[in-house]
Amino acid sequence: MKKAYNIVVFGMEISVRSEADESQVSALAEYLQRKYDEVKSVSQNAPRANLMALAALNVASDYFEVRDSAQVMQRALEARSKRIISKIDQLELPKEED
């Protein structure tokens, strides 16, 4: 069930509805605010909308990096699992007696 939360990000109070708990919503808001602050420290005179867009792009970049890393790990685990299964299949196990 979705709950309503008020968060402050980009210096604005925003009402959001989420199925996540309050601590996760707060952590997400803090993360987004950090990304905004990072961009603002480099581009102090840029309009707020530009800073918000750049912060969103940085969040998307982080997401893609983690997603790609997870895909690489998944492929490596699948390959390792196939090798292990192949080795198990090659073992000569004693036959079970009925």
C-alpha atoms as a PDB file:
ATOM      1  CA  MET A   1       0.000   0.000   0.000  1.00  0.00           C
ATOM      2  CA  LYS A   2       1.395   3.365  -0.983  1.00  0.00           C
ATOM      3  CA  LYS A   3       2.044   5.933   1.704  1.00  0.00           C
ATOM      4  CA  ALA A   4       2.410   9.685   1.291  1.00  0.00           C
ATOM      5  CA  TYR A   5       5.673  11.348   2.299  1.00  0.00           C
ATOM      6  CA  ASN A   6       6.889  14.924   2.223  1.00  0.00           C
ATOM      7  CA  ILE A   7      10.518  15.249   1.185  1.00  0.00           C
ATOM      8  CA  VAL A   8      12.749  18.239   0.609  1.00  0.00           C
ATOM      9  CA  VAL A   9      14.916  18.137  -2.488  1.00  0.00           C
ATOM     10  CA  PHE A  10      16.328  20.943  -4.635  1.00  0.00           C
ATOM     11  CA  GLY A  11      15.220  23.294  -1.881  1.00  0.00           C
ATOM     12  CA  MET A  12      11.574  22.428  -2.507  1.00  0.00           C
ATOM     13  CA  GLU A  13       9.148  20.412  -0.426  1.00  0.00           C
ATOM     14  CA  ILE A  14       7.607  17.689  -2.551  1.00  0.00           C
ATOM     15  CA  SER A  15       4.819  15.268  -1.661  1.00  0.00           C
ATOM     16  CA  VAL A  16       5.414  11.742  -2.969  1.00  0.00           C
ATOM     17  CA  ARG A  17       3.541   8.460  -2.698  1.00  0.00           C
ATOM     18  CA  SER A  18       5.541   5.256  -2.446  1.00  0.00           C
ATOM     19  CA  GLU A  19       5.312   1.660  -1.299  1.00  0.00           C
ATOM     20  CA  ALA A  20       8.825   2.033   0.137  1.00  0.00           C
ATOM     21  CA  ASP A  21       9.270   2.757   3.812  1.00  0.00           C
ATOM     22  CA  GLU A  22      10.112   6.218   5.093  1.00  0.00           C
ATOM     23  CA  SER A  23      13.822   5.498   5.580  1.00  0.00           C
ATOM     24  CA  GLN A  24      14.216   4.412   1.951  1.00  0.00           C
ATOM     25  CA  VAL A  25      12.318   7.430   0.642  1.00  0.00           C
ATOM     26  CA  SER A  26      14.505   9.701   2.792  1.00  0.00           C
ATOM     27  CA  ALA A  27      17.672   7.969   1.574  1.00  0.00           C
ATOM     28  CA  LEU A  28      16.585   8.444  -2.048  1.00  0.00           C
ATOM     29  CA  ALA A  29      15.831  12.120  -1.464  1.00  0.00           C
ATOM     30  CA  GLU A  30      19.221  12.606   0.217  1.00  0.00           C
ATOM     31  CA  TYR A  31      20.977  10.851  -2.674  1.00  0.00           C
ATOM     32  CA  LEU A  32      19.234  13.044  -5.240  1.00  0.00           C
ATOM     33  CA  GLN A  33      20.052  16.148  -3.197  1.00  0.00           C
ATOM     34  CA  ARG A  34      23.755  15.138  -3.070  1.00  0.00           C
ATOM     35  CA  LYS A  35      23.781  14.758  -6.855  1.00  0.00           C
ATOM     36  CA  TYR A  36      22.171  18.185  -7.198  1.00  0.00           C
ATOM     37  CA  ASP A  37      24.699  19.731  -4.794  1.00  0.00           C
ATOM     38  CA  GLU A  38      27.601  18.162  -6.732  1.00  0.00           C
ATOM     39  CA  VAL A  39      26.363  19.681  -9.995  1.00  0.00           C
ATOM     40  CA  LYS A  40      25.644  23.032  -8.343  1.00  0.00           C
ATOM     41  CA  SER A  41      29.169  23.233  -6.910  1.00  0.00           C
ATOM     42  CA  VAL A  42      30.570  23.074 -10.452  1.00  0.00           C
ATOM     43  CA  SER A  43      27.889  25.151 -12.217  1.00  0.00           C
ATOM     44  CA  GLN A  44      26.878  27.713  -9.609  1.00  0.00           C
ATOM     45  CA  ASN A  45      25.323  30.197 -12.039  1.00  0.00           C
ATOM     46  CA  ALA A  46      23.278  27.683 -14.040  1.00  0.00           C
ATOM     47  CA  PRO A  47      19.480  27.880 -13.847  1.00  0.00           C
ATOM     48  CA  ARG A  48      17.834  25.519 -11.360  1.00  0.00           C
ATOM     49  CA  ALA A  49      16.129  23.542 -14.151  1.00  0.00           C
ATOM     50  CA  ASN A  50      19.513  22.851 -15.766  1.00  0.00           C
ATOM     51  CA  LEU A  51      20.979  21.755 -12.432  1.00  0.00           C
ATOM     52  CA  MET A  52      18.026  19.455 -11.843  1.00  0.00           C
ATOM     53  CA  ALA A  53      18.402  17.934 -15.310  1.00  0.00           C
ATOM     54  CA  LEU A  54      22.138  17.409 -14.819  1.00  0.00           C
ATOM     55  CA  ALA A  55      21.528  15.818 -11.419  1.00  0.00           C
ATOM     56  CA  ALA A  56      18.964  13.486 -13.006  1.00  0.00           C
ATOM     57  CA  LEU A  57      21.466  12.560 -15.739  1.00  0.00           C
ATOM     58  CA  ASN A  58      24.082  11.774 -13.091  1.00  0.00           C
ATOM     59  CA  VAL A  59      21.606   9.547 -11.259  1.00  0.00           C
ATOM     60  CA  ALA A  60      20.775   7.788 -14.542  1.00  0.00           C
ATOM     61  CA  SER A  61      24.495   7.354 -15.233  1.00  0.00           C
ATOM     62  CA  ASP A  62      24.977   5.752 -11.806  1.00  0.00           C
ATOM     63  CA  TYR A  63      22.030   3.455 -12.471  1.00  0.00           C
ATOM     64  CA  PHE A  64      23.401   2.360 -15.866  1.00  0.00           C
ATOM     65  CA  GLU A  65      26.828   1.699 -14.349  1.00  0.00           C
ATOM     66  CA  VAL A  66      25.370  -0.516 -11.624  1.00  0.00           C
ATOM     67  CA  ARG A  67      23.024  -2.246 -14.077  1.00  0.00           C
ATOM     68  CA  ASP A  68      25.867  -3.010 -16.480  1.00  0.00           C
ATOM     69  CA  SER A  69      28.045  -4.290 -13.645  1.00  0.00           C
ATOM     70  CA  ALA A  70      25.229  -6.561 -12.455  1.00  0.00           C
ATOM     71  CA  GLN A  71      24.808  -7.945 -15.986  1.00  0.00           C
ATOM     72  CA  VAL A  72      28.530  -8.734 -16.196  1.00  0.00           C
ATOM     73  CA  MET A  73      28.378 -10.476 -12.830  1.00  0.00           C
ATOM     74  CA  GLN A  74      25.282 -12.430 -13.861  1.00  0.00           C
ATOM     75  CA  ARG A  75      26.958 -13.662 -17.052  1.00  0.00           C
ATOM     76  CA  ALA A  76      30.061 -14.683 -15.073  1.00  0.00           C
ATOM     77  CA  LEU A  77      27.938 -16.570 -12.529  1.00  0.00           C
ATOM     78  CA  GLU A  78      26.004 -18.321 -15.284  1.00  0.00           C
ATOM     79  CA  ALA A  79      29.245 -19.401 -16.976  1.00  0.00           C
ATOM     80  CA  ARG A  80      30.698 -20.617 -13.677  1.00  0.00           C
ATOM     81  CA  SER A  81      27.491 -22.509 -12.860  1.00  0.00           C
ATOM     82  CA  LYS A  82      27.582 -24.241 -16.248  1.00  0.00           C
ATOM     83  CA  ARG A  83      31.203 -25.303 -15.660  1.00  0.00           C
ATOM     84  CA  ILE A  84      30.359 -26.664 -12.215  1.00  0.00           C
ATOM     85  CA  ILE A  85      27.334 -28.561 -13.535  1.00  0.00           C
ATOM     86  CA  SER A  86      29.457 -29.976 -16.350  1.00  0.00           C
ATOM     87  CA  LYS A  87      32.074 -31.198 -13.861  1.00  0.00           C
ATOM     88  CA  ILE A  88      29.386 -32.758 -11.670  1.00  0.00           C
ATOM     89  CA  ASP A  89      27.896 -34.501 -14.707  1.00  0.00           C
ATOM     90  CA  GLN A  90      31.327 -35.949 -15.545  1.00  0.00           C
ATOM     91  CA  LEU A  91      31.729 -37.553 -12.124  1.00  0.00           C
ATOM     92  CA  GLU A  92      31.177 -41.271 -11.957  1.00  0.00           C
ATOM     93  CA  LEU A  93      28.946 -41.750  -8.987  1.00  0.00           C
ATOM     94  CA  PRO A  94      28.146 -45.160  -7.534  1.00  0.00           C
ATOM     95  CA  LYS A  95      24.828 -46.482  -8.727  1.00  0.00           C
ATOM     96  CA  GLU A  96      22.045 -46.553  -6.201  1.00  0.00           C
ATOM     97  CA  GLU A  97      20.575 -49.904  -5.305  1.00  0.00           C
ATOM     98  CA  ASP A  98      16.809 -50.205  -5.143  1.00  0.00           C
END
